[in-house]
Amino acid sequence: MEDIARTGTGRVQRAQQRQDAQQRLLDAAVSQLAAEGMRGLTHRRVEQRAGLAQGSAKYYFGSSEALIEAVLDHLSARDLPLVLEVSPAERAAAADGHLDGLQQRAEQIAAVMLSRSDEARARFQIYLYASGRPRLQAMVAAARDRFADTIAESLPGPGSEAAARFVCAVIDGILLDQLSAPNLTVAQHAGHYLLAAGAAGAQIAAETGT
């Protein structure tokens, strides 16, 4: 029984070590993309940045393309919790002009979103790289679909998808604006922009057929 218990413990430890190593490599790949772009995203540079042995990236992810795809999935998973979910009660309160709670949450989300500049820079690098690469384009589209679907849940109506895509475009616009030429006014009002996009999205959802 003790041997079985030790074997089980060893498997759990190995699985945790594998997960930790993959996480370190993914975080390092994001930083590497942000610092040097797609040309700088080599296995060796990612391994060095992660502080792991040579060959680790290939062992855990295989090809460079597989690493890029894993980074995209990683970034997508990081994005989903940032969606401002609005309950029916909050929508009703907002319609009556009671926006304090939503405004505070929107500002918190905007602050987190803008603080992750490396992640945004890495994401846009992948978006550009995906051009002309059908497999990666499909993965970008799928990641964007998941994000839009989550937003659409808070924007009920015949045009919920169109509304969610509009909100996605606003978010990308804010991020790209701040990456290309940071502006204090945009940074200070990003939460208001998100809330305004949500309000406009609600109108689009109610009035536009999909």
N, C-alpha and C. Protein backbone atom coordinates (compact mmCIF):
# COMPACT_ATOMS: atom_id res chain seq x y z
N MET A 1 0.82 -1.21 0.00
CA MET A 1 0.00 0.00 0.00
C MET A 1 0.86 1.27 0.00
N GLU A 2 1.97 1.21 0.77
CA GLU A 2 2.86 2.37 0.83
C GLU A 2 3.47 2.65 -0.54
N ASP A 3 3.82 1.56 -1.26
CA ASP A 3 4.39 1.74 -2.60
C ASP A 3 3.39 2.40 -3.53
N ILE A 4 2.14 1.97 -3.44
CA ILE A 4 1.09 2.55 -4.28
C ILE A 4 0.90 4.03 -3.95
N ALA A 5 0.91 4.33 -2.64
CA ALA A 5 0.75 5.72 -2.21
C ALA A 5 1.90 6.59 -2.72
N ARG A 6 3.12 6.05 -2.63
CA ARG A 6 4.29 6.81 -3.11
C ARG A 6 4.21 7.03 -4.61
N THR A 7 3.75 5.99 -5.33
CA THR A 7 3.61 6.12 -6.78
C THR A 7 2.61 7.20 -7.14
N GLY A 8 1.48 7.20 -6.42
CA GLY A 8 0.46 8.22 -6.67
C GLY A 8 0.96 9.62 -6.37
N THR A 9 1.69 9.76 -5.27
CA THR A 9 2.25 11.06 -4.90
C THR A 9 3.26 11.53 -5.93
N GLY A 10 4.08 10.59 -6.42
CA GLY A 10 5.06 10.93 -7.44
C GLY A 10 4.42 11.42 -8.72
N ARG A 11 3.32 10.79 -9.10
CA ARG A 11 2.62 11.21 -10.32
C ARG A 11 2.05 12.61 -10.16
N VAL A 12 1.49 12.87 -9.00
CA VAL A 12 0.94 14.20 -8.74
C VAL A 12 2.04 15.26 -8.79
N GLN A 13 3.18 14.94 -8.19
CA GLN A 13 4.30 15.89 -8.19
C GLN A 13 4.82 16.14 -9.59
N ARG A 14 4.92 15.07 -10.39
CA ARG A 14 5.40 15.23 -11.76
C ARG A 14 4.42 16.06 -12.59
N ALA A 15 3.13 15.82 -12.38
CA ALA A 15 2.12 16.59 -13.10
C ALA A 15 2.19 18.06 -12.72
N GLN A 16 2.42 18.33 -11.44
CA GLN A 16 2.53 19.71 -10.98
C GLN A 16 3.79 20.37 -11.54
N GLN A 17 4.88 19.63 -11.58
CA GLN A 17 6.12 20.16 -12.14
C GLN A 17 5.95 20.48 -13.62
N ARG A 18 5.26 19.59 -14.32
CA ARG A 18 5.02 19.81 -15.74
C ARG A 18 4.17 21.07 -15.94
N GLN A 19 3.13 21.20 -15.13
CA GLN A 19 2.26 22.37 -15.24
C GLN A 19 3.02 23.65 -14.92
N ASP A 20 3.84 23.61 -13.89
CA ASP A 20 4.63 24.79 -13.51
C ASP A 20 5.60 25.18 -14.62
N ALA A 21 6.27 24.18 -15.21
CA ALA A 21 7.22 24.46 -16.29
C ALA A 21 6.52 25.06 -17.50
N GLN A 22 5.37 24.49 -17.86
CA GLN A 22 4.61 25.02 -18.99
C GLN A 22 4.17 26.46 -18.74
N GLN A 23 3.74 26.72 -17.51
CA GLN A 23 3.30 28.08 -17.17
C GLN A 23 4.47 29.06 -17.26
N ARG A 24 5.62 28.67 -16.77
CA ARG A 24 6.80 29.53 -16.85
C ARG A 24 7.19 29.80 -18.30
N LEU A 25 7.11 28.78 -19.13
CA LEU A 25 7.44 28.95 -20.54
C LEU A 25 6.44 29.86 -21.24
N LEU A 26 5.17 29.70 -20.94
CA LEU A 26 4.15 30.54 -21.56
C LEU A 26 4.30 32.00 -21.13
N ASP A 27 4.53 32.22 -19.85
CA ASP A 27 4.75 33.59 -19.37
C ASP A 27 5.99 34.19 -20.01
N ALA A 28 7.03 33.38 -20.15
CA ALA A 28 8.27 33.85 -20.78
C ALA A 28 8.04 34.16 -22.25
N ALA A 29 7.25 33.33 -22.92
CA ALA A 29 6.96 33.56 -24.34
C ALA A 29 6.20 34.86 -24.53
N VAL A 30 5.26 35.15 -23.64
CA VAL A 30 4.53 36.42 -23.71
C VAL A 30 5.49 37.59 -23.57
N SER A 31 6.38 37.52 -22.58
CA SER A 31 7.36 38.59 -22.37
C SER A 31 8.31 38.72 -23.56
N GLN A 32 8.69 37.59 -24.13
CA GLN A 32 9.60 37.60 -25.27
C GLN A 32 8.94 38.22 -26.49
N LEU A 33 7.69 37.87 -26.72
CA LEU A 33 6.94 38.46 -27.83
C LEU A 33 6.81 39.97 -27.65
N ALA A 34 6.51 40.38 -26.44
CA ALA A 34 6.34 41.81 -26.16
C ALA A 34 7.65 42.57 -26.35
N ALA A 35 8.75 41.93 -26.00
CA ALA A 35 10.05 42.61 -26.05
C ALA A 35 10.67 42.62 -27.45
N GLU A 36 10.56 41.51 -28.17
CA GLU A 36 11.30 41.38 -29.42
C GLU A 36 10.45 40.97 -30.62
N GLY A 37 9.16 40.81 -30.43
CA GLY A 37 8.30 40.46 -31.54
C GLY A 37 8.42 39.01 -31.94
N MET A 38 7.75 38.68 -33.03
CA MET A 38 7.69 37.29 -33.46
C MET A 38 9.07 36.73 -33.85
N ARG A 39 9.92 37.57 -34.41
CA ARG A 39 11.25 37.08 -34.81
C ARG A 39 12.10 36.68 -33.61
N GLY A 40 11.80 37.27 -32.47
CA GLY A 40 12.57 36.95 -31.27
C GLY A 40 12.01 35.78 -30.49
N LEU A 41 10.92 35.20 -30.97
CA LEU A 41 10.28 34.10 -30.25
C LEU A 41 10.91 32.77 -30.67
N THR A 42 12.09 32.50 -30.15
CA THR A 42 12.75 31.22 -30.39
C THR A 42 12.68 30.38 -29.12
N HIS A 43 12.77 29.07 -29.30
CA HIS A 43 12.75 28.19 -28.14
C HIS A 43 13.82 28.58 -27.12
N ARG A 44 15.03 28.84 -27.62
CA ARG A 44 16.14 29.10 -26.70
C ARG A 44 15.93 30.39 -25.91
N ARG A 45 15.47 31.43 -26.57
CA ARG A 45 15.27 32.69 -25.86
C ARG A 45 14.14 32.57 -24.84
N VAL A 46 13.11 31.83 -25.18
CA VAL A 46 12.02 31.60 -24.22
C VAL A 46 12.52 30.80 -23.02
N GLU A 47 13.32 29.78 -23.29
CA GLU A 47 13.88 28.96 -22.20
C GLU A 47 14.77 29.79 -21.29
N GLN A 48 15.59 30.64 -21.89
CA GLN A 48 16.48 31.49 -21.10
C GLN A 48 15.68 32.46 -20.24
N ARG A 49 14.65 33.02 -20.82
CA ARG A 49 13.82 33.97 -20.07
C ARG A 49 13.07 33.26 -18.95
N ALA A 50 12.69 32.00 -19.19
CA ALA A 50 11.97 31.22 -18.18
C ALA A 50 12.90 30.62 -17.13
N GLY A 51 14.21 30.61 -17.43
CA GLY A 51 15.17 30.01 -16.52
C GLY A 51 15.11 28.50 -16.51
N LEU A 52 14.80 27.92 -17.67
CA LEU A 52 14.70 26.47 -17.79
C LEU A 52 15.75 25.93 -18.75
N ALA A 53 15.99 24.65 -18.67
CA ALA A 53 17.05 24.02 -19.45
C ALA A 53 16.75 24.06 -20.95
N GLN A 54 17.83 24.06 -21.73
CA GLN A 54 17.68 24.01 -23.18
C GLN A 54 16.94 22.74 -23.57
N GLY A 55 16.00 22.88 -24.47
CA GLY A 55 15.19 21.75 -24.91
C GLY A 55 13.84 21.67 -24.21
N SER A 56 13.64 22.50 -23.18
CA SER A 56 12.38 22.45 -22.43
C SER A 56 11.19 22.85 -23.29
N ALA A 57 11.34 23.91 -24.08
CA ALA A 57 10.23 24.38 -24.91
C ALA A 57 9.82 23.33 -25.93
N LYS A 58 10.81 22.70 -26.55
CA LYS A 58 10.51 21.65 -27.52
C LYS A 58 9.86 20.45 -26.84
N TYR A 59 10.33 20.13 -25.65
CA TYR A 59 9.80 18.98 -24.91
C TYR A 59 8.32 19.18 -24.57
N TYR A 60 7.98 20.38 -24.12
CA TYR A 60 6.61 20.62 -23.67
C TYR A 60 5.66 21.05 -24.78
N PHE A 61 6.19 21.71 -25.82
CA PHE A 61 5.30 22.25 -26.85
C PHE A 61 5.60 21.75 -28.26
N GLY A 62 6.76 21.15 -28.47
CA GLY A 62 7.08 20.65 -29.80
C GLY A 62 7.58 21.76 -30.70
N SER A 63 6.82 22.07 -31.73
CA SER A 63 7.26 23.04 -32.72
C SER A 63 7.04 24.48 -32.27
N SER A 64 7.64 25.40 -33.00
CA SER A 64 7.45 26.83 -32.73
C SER A 64 6.00 27.23 -32.94
N GLU A 65 5.37 26.66 -33.97
CA GLU A 65 3.96 26.96 -34.23
C GLU A 65 3.09 26.50 -33.08
N ALA A 66 3.40 25.34 -32.53
CA ALA A 66 2.62 24.82 -31.39
C ALA A 66 2.79 25.73 -30.17
N LEU A 67 3.97 26.28 -29.99
CA LEU A 67 4.20 27.22 -28.89
C LEU A 67 3.36 28.48 -29.08
N ILE A 68 3.33 29.00 -30.29
CA ILE A 68 2.53 30.19 -30.58
C ILE A 68 1.06 29.92 -30.30
N GLU A 69 0.58 28.75 -30.72
CA GLU A 69 -0.82 28.39 -30.48
C GLU A 69 -1.11 28.28 -28.99
N ALA A 70 -0.16 27.73 -28.24
CA ALA A 70 -0.33 27.60 -26.80
C ALA A 70 -0.36 28.97 -26.13
N VAL A 71 0.46 29.89 -26.62
CA VAL A 71 0.46 31.25 -26.08
C VAL A 71 -0.88 31.92 -26.34
N LEU A 72 -1.43 31.72 -27.54
CA LEU A 72 -2.73 32.30 -27.86
C LEU A 72 -3.81 31.77 -26.93
N ASP A 73 -3.81 30.46 -26.69
CA ASP A 73 -4.78 29.87 -25.75
C ASP A 73 -4.59 30.45 -24.34
N HIS A 74 -3.34 30.61 -23.96
CA HIS A 74 -3.00 31.15 -22.64
C HIS A 74 -3.54 32.57 -22.49
N LEU A 75 -3.34 33.40 -23.50
CA LEU A 75 -3.83 34.77 -23.46
C LEU A 75 -5.35 34.82 -23.46
N SER A 76 -5.96 33.95 -24.24
CA SER A 76 -7.42 33.89 -24.28
C SER A 76 -8.00 33.56 -22.92
N ALA A 77 -7.40 32.60 -22.24
CA ALA A 77 -7.86 32.22 -20.91
C ALA A 77 -7.70 33.37 -19.92
N ARG A 78 -6.67 34.17 -20.11
CA ARG A 78 -6.44 35.32 -19.23
C ARG A 78 -7.46 36.44 -19.49
N ASP A 79 -7.97 36.52 -20.71
CA ASP A 79 -8.89 37.59 -21.08
C ASP A 79 -10.30 37.39 -20.54
N LEU A 80 -10.78 36.15 -20.56
CA LEU A 80 -12.18 35.89 -20.26
C LEU A 80 -12.65 36.44 -18.91
N PRO A 81 -11.86 36.32 -17.84
CA PRO A 81 -12.33 36.86 -16.56
C PRO A 81 -12.49 38.38 -16.54
N LEU A 82 -11.97 39.07 -17.56
CA LEU A 82 -12.06 40.53 -17.59
C LEU A 82 -13.38 41.03 -18.18
N VAL A 83 -14.21 40.14 -18.69
CA VAL A 83 -15.48 40.56 -19.26
C VAL A 83 -16.37 41.14 -18.15
N LEU A 84 -16.94 42.31 -18.41
CA LEU A 84 -17.86 42.94 -17.46
C LEU A 84 -19.23 42.30 -17.63
N GLU A 85 -19.56 41.39 -16.75
CA GLU A 85 -20.85 40.72 -16.81
C GLU A 85 -21.91 41.58 -16.12
N VAL A 86 -23.04 41.75 -16.80
CA VAL A 86 -24.11 42.61 -16.29
C VAL A 86 -25.37 41.78 -16.10
N SER A 87 -25.88 41.77 -14.90
CA SER A 87 -27.08 40.99 -14.59
C SER A 87 -28.33 41.74 -15.06
N PRO A 88 -29.47 41.04 -15.20
CA PRO A 88 -30.72 41.73 -15.56
C PRO A 88 -31.06 42.87 -14.60
N ALA A 89 -30.82 42.65 -13.30
CA ALA A 89 -31.10 43.70 -12.32
C ALA A 89 -30.21 44.92 -12.55
N GLU A 90 -28.95 44.67 -12.89
CA GLU A 90 -28.03 45.78 -13.15
C GLU A 90 -28.41 46.52 -14.43
N ARG A 91 -28.89 45.78 -15.43
CA ARG A 91 -29.35 46.43 -16.66
C ARG A 91 -30.54 47.34 -16.38
N ALA A 92 -31.47 46.84 -15.55
CA ALA A 92 -32.64 47.65 -15.21
C ALA A 92 -32.23 48.89 -14.42
N ALA A 93 -31.29 48.72 -13.50
CA ALA A 93 -30.82 49.86 -12.71
C ALA A 93 -30.10 50.88 -13.60
N ALA A 94 -29.32 50.36 -14.55
CA ALA A 94 -28.60 51.25 -15.47
C ALA A 94 -29.57 52.05 -16.33
N ALA A 95 -30.67 51.40 -16.73
CA ALA A 95 -31.68 52.09 -17.54
C ALA A 95 -32.30 53.25 -16.77
N ASP A 96 -32.31 53.14 -15.45
CA ASP A 96 -32.85 54.22 -14.60
C ASP A 96 -31.77 55.21 -14.18
N GLY A 97 -30.56 55.03 -14.72
CA GLY A 97 -29.49 55.97 -14.44
C GLY A 97 -28.61 55.63 -13.25
N HIS A 98 -28.80 54.43 -12.68
CA HIS A 98 -27.99 54.03 -11.53
C HIS A 98 -26.78 53.23 -12.03
N LEU A 99 -25.67 53.91 -12.19
CA LEU A 99 -24.50 53.30 -12.83
C LEU A 99 -23.29 53.16 -11.91
N ASP A 100 -23.43 53.56 -10.66
CA ASP A 100 -22.25 53.62 -9.78
C ASP A 100 -21.52 52.29 -9.69
N GLY A 101 -22.26 51.21 -9.43
CA GLY A 101 -21.64 49.89 -9.28
C GLY A 101 -20.96 49.44 -10.56
N LEU A 102 -21.65 49.61 -11.68
CA LEU A 102 -21.09 49.21 -12.97
C LEU A 102 -19.87 50.06 -13.32
N GLN A 103 -19.94 51.35 -13.02
CA GLN A 103 -18.82 52.24 -13.33
C GLN A 103 -17.58 51.82 -12.56
N GLN A 104 -17.75 51.49 -11.30
CA GLN A 104 -16.61 51.07 -10.48
C GLN A 104 -15.99 49.80 -11.03
N ARG A 105 -16.82 48.83 -11.40
CA ARG A 105 -16.30 47.58 -11.95
C ARG A 105 -15.63 47.81 -13.29
N ALA A 106 -16.22 48.67 -14.12
CA ALA A 106 -15.62 48.97 -15.43
C ALA A 106 -14.25 49.61 -15.26
N GLU A 107 -14.11 50.50 -14.29
CA GLU A 107 -12.82 51.14 -14.05
C GLU A 107 -11.79 50.14 -13.53
N GLN A 108 -12.23 49.20 -12.70
CA GLN A 108 -11.32 48.17 -12.20
C GLN A 108 -10.83 47.29 -13.34
N ILE A 109 -11.76 46.89 -14.22
CA ILE A 109 -11.40 46.05 -15.36
C ILE A 109 -10.46 46.80 -16.30
N ALA A 110 -10.75 48.06 -16.56
CA ALA A 110 -9.90 48.86 -17.44
C ALA A 110 -8.50 48.99 -16.87
N ALA A 111 -8.40 49.17 -15.56
CA ALA A 111 -7.09 49.30 -14.93
C ALA A 111 -6.27 48.02 -15.09
N VAL A 112 -6.91 46.87 -14.89
CA VAL A 112 -6.22 45.60 -15.06
C VAL A 112 -5.82 45.41 -16.52
N MET A 113 -6.75 45.69 -17.42
CA MET A 113 -6.52 45.53 -18.85
C MET A 113 -5.32 46.35 -19.32
N LEU A 114 -5.25 47.59 -18.88
CA LEU A 114 -4.17 48.47 -19.31
C LEU A 114 -2.85 48.13 -18.62
N SER A 115 -2.92 47.50 -17.47
CA SER A 115 -1.69 47.13 -16.76
C SER A 115 -0.99 45.93 -17.42
N ARG A 116 -1.72 45.20 -18.25
CA ARG A 116 -1.17 44.01 -18.89
C ARG A 116 -0.68 44.35 -20.30
N SER A 117 0.16 45.35 -20.40
CA SER A 117 0.59 45.81 -21.72
C SER A 117 1.39 44.75 -22.46
N ASP A 118 2.19 43.96 -21.75
CA ASP A 118 2.96 42.90 -22.41
C ASP A 118 2.02 41.88 -23.06
N GLU A 119 0.95 41.54 -22.37
CA GLU A 119 0.00 40.58 -22.92
C GLU A 119 -0.69 41.14 -24.15
N ALA A 120 -1.07 42.40 -24.09
CA ALA A 120 -1.72 43.03 -25.24
C ALA A 120 -0.76 43.09 -26.43
N ARG A 121 0.49 43.47 -26.17
CA ARG A 121 1.48 43.55 -27.24
C ARG A 121 1.71 42.17 -27.87
N ALA A 122 1.80 41.15 -27.03
CA ALA A 122 2.00 39.78 -27.54
C ALA A 122 0.81 39.33 -28.36
N ARG A 123 -0.38 39.67 -27.90
CA ARG A 123 -1.60 39.28 -28.63
C ARG A 123 -1.63 39.90 -30.01
N PHE A 124 -1.32 41.19 -30.10
CA PHE A 124 -1.34 41.85 -31.41
C PHE A 124 -0.24 41.32 -32.32
N GLN A 125 0.89 40.93 -31.76
CA GLN A 125 1.94 40.30 -32.56
C GLN A 125 1.41 39.02 -33.20
N ILE A 126 0.68 38.23 -32.42
CA ILE A 126 0.13 36.98 -32.95
C ILE A 126 -0.94 37.27 -33.99
N TYR A 127 -1.78 38.27 -33.74
CA TYR A 127 -2.81 38.64 -34.71
C TYR A 127 -2.19 38.94 -36.07
N LEU A 128 -1.12 39.74 -36.08
CA LEU A 128 -0.47 40.10 -37.34
C LEU A 128 0.19 38.88 -37.98
N TYR A 129 0.81 38.06 -37.17
CA TYR A 129 1.48 36.87 -37.67
C TYR A 129 0.48 35.89 -38.28
N ALA A 130 -0.76 35.90 -37.78
CA ALA A 130 -1.78 34.96 -38.25
C ALA A 130 -2.22 35.25 -39.69
N SER A 131 -1.97 36.47 -40.16
CA SER A 131 -2.37 36.82 -41.52
C SER A 131 -1.70 35.89 -42.53
N GLY A 132 -2.51 35.22 -43.34
CA GLY A 132 -1.98 34.30 -44.33
C GLY A 132 -1.66 32.92 -43.79
N ARG A 133 -1.99 32.67 -42.53
CA ARG A 133 -1.77 31.35 -41.93
C ARG A 133 -3.11 30.81 -41.46
N PRO A 134 -3.81 30.07 -42.31
CA PRO A 134 -5.20 29.67 -42.04
C PRO A 134 -5.42 28.97 -40.70
N ARG A 135 -4.50 28.09 -40.32
CA ARG A 135 -4.70 27.37 -39.06
C ARG A 135 -4.68 28.33 -37.87
N LEU A 136 -3.71 29.24 -37.86
CA LEU A 136 -3.61 30.19 -36.75
C LEU A 136 -4.75 31.20 -36.82
N GLN A 137 -5.14 31.58 -38.03
CA GLN A 137 -6.28 32.48 -38.18
C GLN A 137 -7.53 31.87 -37.57
N ALA A 138 -7.72 30.57 -37.80
CA ALA A 138 -8.89 29.89 -37.24
C ALA A 138 -8.84 29.89 -35.72
N MET A 139 -7.65 29.75 -35.16
CA MET A 139 -7.52 29.77 -33.71
C MET A 139 -7.78 31.17 -33.14
N VAL A 140 -7.30 32.19 -33.85
CA VAL A 140 -7.58 33.57 -33.44
C VAL A 140 -9.08 33.82 -33.47
N ALA A 141 -9.73 33.37 -34.55
CA ALA A 141 -11.18 33.55 -34.67
C ALA A 141 -11.92 32.82 -33.55
N ALA A 142 -11.47 31.61 -33.22
CA ALA A 142 -12.12 30.84 -32.16
C ALA A 142 -11.96 31.53 -30.80
N ALA A 143 -10.77 32.06 -30.55
CA ALA A 143 -10.53 32.78 -29.29
C ALA A 143 -11.40 34.03 -29.21
N ARG A 144 -11.50 34.72 -30.33
CA ARG A 144 -12.33 35.93 -30.37
C ARG A 144 -13.80 35.57 -30.21
N ASP A 145 -14.20 34.45 -30.79
CA ASP A 145 -15.59 33.99 -30.65
C ASP A 145 -15.93 33.72 -29.18
N ARG A 146 -15.00 33.07 -28.47
CA ARG A 146 -15.25 32.77 -27.06
C ARG A 146 -15.41 34.05 -26.25
N PHE A 147 -14.57 35.02 -26.53
CA PHE A 147 -14.64 36.30 -25.82
C PHE A 147 -15.95 37.01 -26.15
N ALA A 148 -16.31 37.03 -27.44
CA ALA A 148 -17.55 37.69 -27.85
C ALA A 148 -18.77 36.97 -27.28
N ASP A 149 -18.74 35.66 -27.25
CA ASP A 149 -19.87 34.90 -26.69
C ASP A 149 -20.08 35.23 -25.22
N THR A 150 -18.99 35.40 -24.49
CA THR A 150 -19.09 35.75 -23.07
C THR A 150 -19.69 37.14 -22.90
N ILE A 151 -19.27 38.07 -23.74
CA ILE A 151 -19.83 39.43 -23.70
C ILE A 151 -21.31 39.40 -24.07
N ALA A 152 -21.66 38.60 -25.08
CA ALA A 152 -23.04 38.55 -25.57
C ALA A 152 -24.02 38.10 -24.50
N GLU A 153 -23.55 37.32 -23.53
CA GLU A 153 -24.43 36.86 -22.47
C GLU A 153 -25.00 38.03 -21.66
N SER A 154 -24.29 39.14 -21.63
CA SER A 154 -24.77 40.32 -20.91
C SER A 154 -25.49 41.31 -21.82
N LEU A 155 -25.65 40.94 -23.10
CA LEU A 155 -26.29 41.83 -24.07
C LEU A 155 -27.40 41.07 -24.80
N PRO A 156 -28.47 40.70 -24.11
CA PRO A 156 -29.53 39.91 -24.73
C PRO A 156 -30.28 40.70 -25.80
N GLY A 157 -30.70 39.98 -26.83
CA GLY A 157 -31.44 40.62 -27.91
C GLY A 157 -31.10 39.98 -29.23
N PRO A 158 -31.85 40.31 -30.28
CA PRO A 158 -31.61 39.71 -31.60
C PRO A 158 -30.24 40.06 -32.19
N GLY A 159 -29.66 41.15 -31.72
CA GLY A 159 -28.36 41.56 -32.24
C GLY A 159 -27.24 41.39 -31.24
N SER A 160 -27.36 40.40 -30.36
CA SER A 160 -26.36 40.23 -29.30
C SER A 160 -24.96 39.97 -29.86
N GLU A 161 -24.87 39.20 -30.95
CA GLU A 161 -23.54 38.92 -31.51
C GLU A 161 -22.93 40.19 -32.08
N ALA A 162 -23.73 40.94 -32.85
CA ALA A 162 -23.22 42.20 -33.41
C ALA A 162 -22.79 43.15 -32.31
N ALA A 163 -23.56 43.18 -31.23
CA ALA A 163 -23.23 44.06 -30.11
C ALA A 163 -21.92 43.64 -29.45
N ALA A 164 -21.76 42.34 -29.26
CA ALA A 164 -20.55 41.82 -28.62
C ALA A 164 -19.32 42.11 -29.48
N ARG A 165 -19.46 41.97 -30.81
CA ARG A 165 -18.34 42.26 -31.70
C ARG A 165 -17.96 43.74 -31.63
N PHE A 166 -18.96 44.59 -31.48
CA PHE A 166 -18.69 46.02 -31.34
C PHE A 166 -17.88 46.29 -30.08
N VAL A 167 -18.28 45.68 -28.97
CA VAL A 167 -17.56 45.87 -27.71
C VAL A 167 -16.13 45.36 -27.83
N CYS A 168 -15.95 44.21 -28.50
CA CYS A 168 -14.60 43.67 -28.73
C CYS A 168 -13.74 44.66 -29.50
N ALA A 169 -14.34 45.28 -30.51
CA ALA A 169 -13.59 46.24 -31.33
C ALA A 169 -13.18 47.46 -30.50
N VAL A 170 -14.05 47.90 -29.61
CA VAL A 170 -13.72 49.03 -28.74
C VAL A 170 -12.55 48.68 -27.83
N ILE A 171 -12.60 47.49 -27.24
CA ILE A 171 -11.52 47.05 -26.35
C ILE A 171 -10.19 46.99 -27.10
N ASP A 172 -10.21 46.37 -28.29
CA ASP A 172 -8.98 46.30 -29.08
C ASP A 172 -8.48 47.70 -29.43
N GLY A 173 -9.42 48.59 -29.72
CA GLY A 173 -9.03 49.96 -30.07
C GLY A 173 -8.36 50.68 -28.92
N ILE A 174 -8.91 50.52 -27.71
CA ILE A 174 -8.31 51.14 -26.53
C ILE A 174 -6.89 50.61 -26.32
N LEU A 175 -6.76 49.29 -26.40
CA LEU A 175 -5.45 48.68 -26.17
C LEU A 175 -4.43 49.11 -27.22
N LEU A 176 -4.84 49.10 -28.49
CA LEU A 176 -3.93 49.49 -29.56
C LEU A 176 -3.54 50.96 -29.44
N ASP A 177 -4.50 51.80 -29.07
CA ASP A 177 -4.22 53.22 -28.86
C ASP A 177 -3.14 53.41 -27.80
N GLN A 178 -3.26 52.68 -26.70
CA GLN A 178 -2.32 52.85 -25.60
C GLN A 178 -0.97 52.19 -25.87
N LEU A 179 -0.95 51.17 -26.70
CA LEU A 179 0.32 50.53 -27.06
C LEU A 179 1.11 51.39 -28.04
N SER A 180 0.41 51.97 -28.99
CA SER A 180 1.10 52.70 -30.06
C SER A 180 1.57 54.08 -29.62
N ALA A 181 0.75 54.79 -28.86
CA ALA A 181 1.10 56.13 -28.39
C ALA A 181 0.28 56.41 -27.13
N PRO A 182 0.75 55.98 -25.98
CA PRO A 182 -0.01 56.11 -24.73
C PRO A 182 -0.50 57.53 -24.50
N ASN A 183 -1.77 57.62 -24.10
CA ASN A 183 -2.39 58.91 -23.88
C ASN A 183 -3.04 58.92 -22.50
N LEU A 184 -2.72 59.91 -21.68
CA LEU A 184 -3.21 59.95 -20.31
C LEU A 184 -4.73 60.07 -20.25
N THR A 185 -5.29 60.85 -21.17
CA THR A 185 -6.75 61.02 -21.18
C THR A 185 -7.45 59.69 -21.43
N VAL A 186 -6.95 58.94 -22.40
CA VAL A 186 -7.54 57.62 -22.70
C VAL A 186 -7.40 56.70 -21.49
N ALA A 187 -6.23 56.70 -20.88
CA ALA A 187 -6.01 55.84 -19.71
C ALA A 187 -6.96 56.20 -18.57
N GLN A 188 -7.16 57.49 -18.35
CA GLN A 188 -8.00 57.94 -17.25
C GLN A 188 -9.48 57.65 -17.49
N HIS A 189 -9.88 57.62 -18.75
CA HIS A 189 -11.29 57.45 -19.07
C HIS A 189 -11.62 56.09 -19.66
N ALA A 190 -10.68 55.16 -19.64
CA ALA A 190 -10.91 53.85 -20.25
C ALA A 190 -12.12 53.15 -19.65
N GLY A 191 -12.31 53.27 -18.34
CA GLY A 191 -13.47 52.66 -17.71
C GLY A 191 -14.77 53.25 -18.24
N HIS A 192 -14.80 54.56 -18.43
CA HIS A 192 -15.99 55.20 -19.01
C HIS A 192 -16.22 54.72 -20.44
N TYR A 193 -15.13 54.54 -21.19
CA TYR A 193 -15.27 54.06 -22.56
C TYR A 193 -15.90 52.66 -22.58
N LEU A 194 -15.43 51.81 -21.67
CA LEU A 194 -15.98 50.45 -21.61
C LEU A 194 -17.46 50.48 -21.27
N LEU A 195 -17.83 51.31 -20.31
CA LEU A 195 -19.24 51.39 -19.91
C LEU A 195 -20.09 51.96 -21.04
N ALA A 196 -19.56 52.96 -21.74
CA ALA A 196 -20.28 53.53 -22.87
C ALA A 196 -20.43 52.51 -24.00
N ALA A 197 -19.38 51.71 -24.20
CA ALA A 197 -19.45 50.66 -25.22
C ALA A 197 -20.52 49.64 -24.86
N GLY A 198 -20.61 49.31 -23.57
CA GLY A 198 -21.64 48.38 -23.12
C GLY A 198 -23.03 48.93 -23.34
N ALA A 199 -23.22 50.22 -23.06
CA ALA A 199 -24.52 50.84 -23.25
C ALA A 199 -24.90 50.87 -24.73
N ALA A 200 -23.92 51.24 -25.58
CA ALA A 200 -24.18 51.23 -27.02
C ALA A 200 -24.43 49.81 -27.51
N GLY A 201 -23.68 48.85 -26.94
CA GLY A 201 -23.88 47.46 -27.31
C GLY A 201 -25.27 46.97 -26.97
N ALA A 202 -25.79 47.39 -25.82
CA ALA A 202 -27.14 46.99 -25.42
C ALA A 202 -28.17 47.50 -26.43
N GLN A 203 -27.94 48.71 -26.94
CA GLN A 203 -28.86 49.27 -27.94
C GLN A 203 -28.74 48.51 -29.25
N ILE A 204 -27.52 48.19 -29.65
CA ILE A 204 -27.32 47.40 -30.87
C ILE A 204 -27.98 46.04 -30.74
N ALA A 205 -27.82 45.41 -29.58
CA ALA A 205 -28.40 44.08 -29.36
C ALA A 205 -29.92 44.11 -29.46
N ALA A 206 -30.52 45.18 -28.97
CA ALA A 206 -31.98 45.27 -28.97
C ALA A 206 -32.55 45.60 -30.34
N GLU A 207 -31.76 46.27 -31.18
CA GLU A 207 -32.30 46.80 -32.43
C GLU A 207 -31.82 46.08 -33.67
N THR A 208 -30.73 45.33 -33.58
CA THR A 208 -30.10 44.75 -34.77
C THR A 208 -30.31 43.25 -34.81
N GLY A 209 -30.77 42.73 -35.93
CA GLY A 209 -30.88 41.29 -36.12
C GLY A 209 -29.54 40.71 -36.48
N THR A 210 -29.28 39.46 -36.08
CA THR A 210 -28.00 38.83 -36.39
C THR A 210 -28.02 38.26 -37.79
